[in-house]
Amino acid sequence: MFKGRPVCENDLEGKTSFVYLIEHKKTGKSYIGKKRLSRKLKRKPLKGKKRNRISYVESDWRDYFGSNDVLQAEVAEQGPKAFTRTILRLCKSLSESSYYEAKIQFDEDVLLHPDKWYNSWISCRLRSSHFK
């Protein structure tokens, strides 16, 4: 879901990643994370060439349920229908998604309320030049 409706391909134009919220419908416990829309695929060079062939393919973002082990175990046990997934922000760069993921996590005090959040750590390393 994005802005209260299913994500459409037009929403993803020019975007590389997004910040998302996964919420357990019954308990209300949530998880904030980021995900790339595509991943790099490296293949061997063609015969007589030296450079690897690089292409980009869609990532598993449509079926992704976060990197938190506790959350993944609950999804495996209860099924994906017990959770809602919402895109909070579509981002033009990976640095932008890292920034907004950390910002939202700090704004929501995810580390101070382990009874409400699956997040157990916040990691971010950014420079202002990443946003130009």
C-alpha atoms as a PDB file:
ATOM      1  CA  MET A   1       0.000   0.000   0.000  1.00  0.00           C
ATOM      2  CA  PHE A   2       1.111   3.530  -0.734  1.00  0.00           C
ATOM      3  CA  LYS A   3      -1.007   6.557   0.239  1.00  0.00           C
ATOM      4  CA  GLY A   4      -3.933   4.284   1.088  1.00  0.00           C
ATOM      5  CA  ARG A   5      -3.989   2.387  -2.223  1.00  0.00           C
ATOM      6  CA  PRO A   6      -2.042  -0.436  -3.878  1.00  0.00           C
ATOM      7  CA  VAL A   7       1.313   0.549  -5.395  1.00  0.00           C
ATOM      8  CA  CYS A   8       1.210   1.100  -9.144  1.00  0.00           C
ATOM      9  CA  GLU A   9       4.115   1.171 -11.582  1.00  0.00           C
ATOM     10  CA  ASN A  10       3.724   4.948 -12.123  1.00  0.00           C
ATOM     11  CA  ASP A  11       4.536   5.509  -8.443  1.00  0.00           C
ATOM     12  CA  LEU A  12       7.920   3.825  -8.913  1.00  0.00           C
ATOM     13  CA  GLU A  13       9.124   5.946 -11.874  1.00  0.00           C
ATOM     14  CA  GLY A  14      12.566   7.351 -11.068  1.00  0.00           C
ATOM     15  CA  LYS A  15      12.668   5.763  -7.605  1.00  0.00           C
ATOM     16  CA  THR A  16      15.368   3.408  -6.334  1.00  0.00           C
ATOM     17  CA  SER A  17      14.096   2.470  -2.883  1.00  0.00           C
ATOM     18  CA  PHE A  18      11.456   3.085  -0.248  1.00  0.00           C
ATOM     19  CA  VAL A  19      10.856   3.264   3.499  1.00  0.00           C
ATOM     20  CA  TYR A  20       8.122   0.958   4.744  1.00  0.00           C
ATOM     21  CA  LEU A  21       6.073   0.052   7.810  1.00  0.00           C
ATOM     22  CA  ILE A  22       5.002  -3.496   8.613  1.00  0.00           C
ATOM     23  CA  GLU A  23       2.303  -3.777  11.275  1.00  0.00           C
ATOM     24  CA  HIS A  24       0.907  -6.845  12.995  1.00  0.00           C
ATOM     25  CA  LYS A  25      -2.865  -6.470  12.666  1.00  0.00           C
ATOM     26  CA  LYS A  26      -3.695  -8.145  15.975  1.00  0.00           C
ATOM     27  CA  THR A  27      -1.011  -6.737  18.308  1.00  0.00           C
ATOM     28  CA  GLY A  28      -0.203  -3.449  16.580  1.00  0.00           C
ATOM     29  CA  LYS A  29       3.520  -4.127  16.923  1.00  0.00           C
ATOM     30  CA  SER A  30       5.354  -2.571  13.992  1.00  0.00           C
ATOM     31  CA  TYR A  31       8.625  -2.499  12.069  1.00  0.00           C
ATOM     32  CA  ILE A  32      10.179   0.343  10.062  1.00  0.00           C
ATOM     33  CA  GLY A  33      12.718  -0.462   7.371  1.00  0.00           C
ATOM     34  CA  LYS A  34      13.959   0.358   3.891  1.00  0.00           C
ATOM     35  CA  LYS A  35      14.158  -1.712   0.731  1.00  0.00           C
ATOM     36  CA  ARG A  36      15.698  -1.371  -2.719  1.00  0.00           C
ATOM     37  CA  LEU A  37      13.442  -1.762  -5.718  1.00  0.00           C
ATOM     38  CA  SER A  38      16.147  -3.401  -7.830  1.00  0.00           C
ATOM     39  CA  ARG A  39      19.367  -5.276  -7.274  1.00  0.00           C
ATOM     40  CA  LYS A  40      22.589  -5.474  -9.224  1.00  0.00           C
ATOM     41  CA  LEU A  41      23.228  -8.690 -11.150  1.00  0.00           C
ATOM     42  CA  LYS A  42      26.847  -9.414 -12.095  1.00  0.00           C
ATOM     43  CA  ARG A  43      27.578 -11.925 -14.815  1.00  0.00           C
ATOM     44  CA  LYS A  44      30.838 -13.213 -16.245  1.00  0.00           C
ATOM     45  CA  PRO A  45      32.377 -11.257 -19.114  1.00  0.00           C
ATOM     46  CA  LEU A  46      31.633 -12.304 -22.659  1.00  0.00           C
ATOM     47  CA  LYS A  47      34.265 -14.371 -24.415  1.00  0.00           C
ATOM     48  CA  GLY A  48      37.295 -12.215 -25.169  1.00  0.00           C
ATOM     49  CA  LYS A  49      36.180  -9.413 -22.827  1.00  0.00           C
ATOM     50  CA  LYS A  50      37.429  -8.531 -19.337  1.00  0.00           C
ATOM     51  CA  ARG A  51      34.633  -6.521 -17.726  1.00  0.00           C
ATOM     52  CA  ASN A  52      31.809  -8.205 -15.880  1.00  0.00           C
ATOM     53  CA  ARG A  53      28.376  -7.674 -17.376  1.00  0.00           C
ATOM     54  CA  ILE A  54      26.159  -5.751 -14.971  1.00  0.00           C
ATOM     55  CA  SER A  55      22.410  -5.461 -15.182  1.00  0.00           C
ATOM     56  CA  TYR A  56      19.654  -4.572 -12.742  1.00  0.00           C
ATOM     57  CA  VAL A  57      16.724  -6.826 -11.910  1.00  0.00           C
ATOM     58  CA  GLU A  58      13.717  -6.267  -9.674  1.00  0.00           C
ATOM     59  CA  SER A  59      14.365  -7.180  -6.055  1.00  0.00           C
ATOM     60  CA  ASP A  60      12.029  -9.268  -3.903  1.00  0.00           C
ATOM     61  CA  TRP A  61      10.343  -6.121  -2.541  1.00  0.00           C
ATOM     62  CA  ARG A  62       6.815  -7.338  -3.345  1.00  0.00           C
ATOM     63  CA  ASP A  63       7.159 -10.283  -0.931  1.00  0.00           C
ATOM     64  CA  TYR A  64       9.629  -8.770   1.559  1.00  0.00           C
ATOM     65  CA  PHE A  65       8.861  -8.753   5.288  1.00  0.00           C
ATOM     66  CA  GLY A  66      11.892  -7.070   6.816  1.00  0.00           C
ATOM     67  CA  SER A  67      15.226  -8.252   8.135  1.00  0.00           C
ATOM     68  CA  ASN A  68      14.212  -8.653  11.772  1.00  0.00           C
ATOM     69  CA  ASP A  69      14.419 -12.308  12.887  1.00  0.00           C
ATOM     70  CA  VAL A  70      11.502 -12.072  15.344  1.00  0.00           C
ATOM     71  CA  LEU A  71       9.272 -10.491  12.715  1.00  0.00           C
ATOM     72  CA  GLN A  72      10.243 -13.081  10.102  1.00  0.00           C
ATOM     73  CA  ALA A  73       9.477 -15.901  12.542  1.00  0.00           C
ATOM     74  CA  GLU A  74       6.034 -14.447  13.262  1.00  0.00           C
ATOM     75  CA  VAL A  75       5.317 -14.048   9.529  1.00  0.00           C
ATOM     76  CA  ALA A  76       6.345 -17.678   8.961  1.00  0.00           C
ATOM     77  CA  GLU A  77       4.175 -18.846  11.879  1.00  0.00           C
ATOM     78  CA  GLN A  78       1.057 -16.701  11.332  1.00  0.00           C
ATOM     79  CA  GLY A  79       1.272 -16.024   7.610  1.00  0.00           C
ATOM     80  CA  PRO A  80       1.571 -12.751   5.712  1.00  0.00           C
ATOM     81  CA  LYS A  81      -2.154 -12.000   5.959  1.00  0.00           C
ATOM     82  CA  ALA A  82      -1.712 -11.258   9.671  1.00  0.00           C
ATOM     83  CA  PHE A  83       0.342  -8.166   8.738  1.00  0.00           C
ATOM     84  CA  THR A  84      -0.149  -4.964   6.777  1.00  0.00           C
ATOM     85  CA  ARG A  85       2.668  -3.474   4.730  1.00  0.00           C
ATOM     86  CA  THR A  86       2.683   0.227   3.909  1.00  0.00           C
ATOM     87  CA  ILE A  87       5.188   2.285   1.942  1.00  0.00           C
ATOM     88  CA  LEU A  88       5.809   5.457   3.926  1.00  0.00           C
ATOM     89  CA  ARG A  89       8.097   7.186   1.435  1.00  0.00           C
ATOM     90  CA  LEU A  90       9.418   6.491  -2.056  1.00  0.00           C
ATOM     91  CA  CYS A  91      13.014   7.664  -2.493  1.00  0.00           C
ATOM     92  CA  LYS A  92      15.168   8.712  -5.435  1.00  0.00           C
ATOM     93  CA  SER A  93      18.428   7.433  -3.923  1.00  0.00           C
ATOM     94  CA  LEU A  94      19.613   4.847  -1.440  1.00  0.00           C
ATOM     95  CA  SER A  95      21.034   7.585   0.780  1.00  0.00           C
ATOM     96  CA  GLU A  96      17.660   9.293   0.891  1.00  0.00           C
ATOM     97  CA  SER A  97      16.002   6.057   2.014  1.00  0.00           C
ATOM     98  CA  SER A  98      18.671   5.542   4.687  1.00  0.00           C
ATOM     99  CA  TYR A  99      18.097   9.070   5.970  1.00  0.00           C
ATOM    100  CA  TYR A 100      14.313   8.792   6.136  1.00  0.00           C
ATOM    101  CA  GLU A 101      14.403   5.303   7.639  1.00  0.00           C
ATOM    102  CA  ALA A 102      16.613   6.547  10.499  1.00  0.00           C
ATOM    103  CA  LYS A 103      14.636   9.797  10.865  1.00  0.00           C
ATOM    104  CA  ILE A 104      11.309   7.996  11.183  1.00  0.00           C
ATOM    105  CA  GLN A 105      12.797   5.450  13.589  1.00  0.00           C
ATOM    106  CA  PHE A 106      14.171   8.216  15.811  1.00  0.00           C
ATOM    107  CA  ASP A 107      10.929  10.225  15.578  1.00  0.00           C
ATOM    108  CA  GLU A 108       8.936   7.173  16.685  1.00  0.00           C
ATOM    109  CA  ASP A 109      11.418   6.229  19.485  1.00  0.00           C
ATOM    110  CA  VAL A 110      11.498   2.638  18.248  1.00  0.00           C
ATOM    111  CA  LEU A 111      14.367   1.638  20.543  1.00  0.00           C
ATOM    112  CA  LEU A 112      12.662   3.004  23.653  1.00  0.00           C
ATOM    113  CA  HIS A 113       9.472   0.983  23.175  1.00  0.00           C
ATOM    114  CA  PRO A 114      10.370  -2.651  22.428  1.00  0.00           C
ATOM    115  CA  ASP A 115       6.790  -3.675  23.272  1.00  0.00           C
ATOM    116  CA  LYS A 116       5.517  -1.620  20.297  1.00  0.00           C
ATOM    117  CA  TRP A 117       8.349  -2.082  17.768  1.00  0.00           C
ATOM    118  CA  TYR A 118      10.258  -5.002  16.282  1.00  0.00           C
ATOM    119  CA  ASN A 119      13.230  -2.730  15.520  1.00  0.00           C
ATOM    120  CA  SER A 120      16.138  -3.503  17.826  1.00  0.00           C
ATOM    121  CA  TRP A 121      18.828  -1.246  16.321  1.00  0.00           C
ATOM    122  CA  ILE A 122      19.228   1.843  14.148  1.00  0.00           C
ATOM    123  CA  SER A 123      22.157   2.130  11.771  1.00  0.00           C
ATOM    124  CA  CYS A 124      22.869   5.023   9.457  1.00  0.00           C
ATOM    125  CA  ARG A 125      25.917   6.588   7.844  1.00  0.00           C
ATOM    126  CA  LEU A 126      25.307   9.585   5.574  1.00  0.00           C
ATOM    127  CA  ARG A 127      26.957  12.648   4.099  1.00  0.00           C
ATOM    128  CA  SER A 128      25.269  15.769   2.806  1.00  0.00           C
ATOM    129  CA  SER A 129      26.918  15.176  -0.594  1.00  0.00           C
ATOM    130  CA  HIS A 130      24.830  12.009  -0.979  1.00  0.00           C
ATOM    131  CA  PHE A 131      21.740  14.168  -1.501  1.00  0.00           C
ATOM    132  CA  LYS A 132      22.962  16.364  -4.366  1.00  0.00           C
END
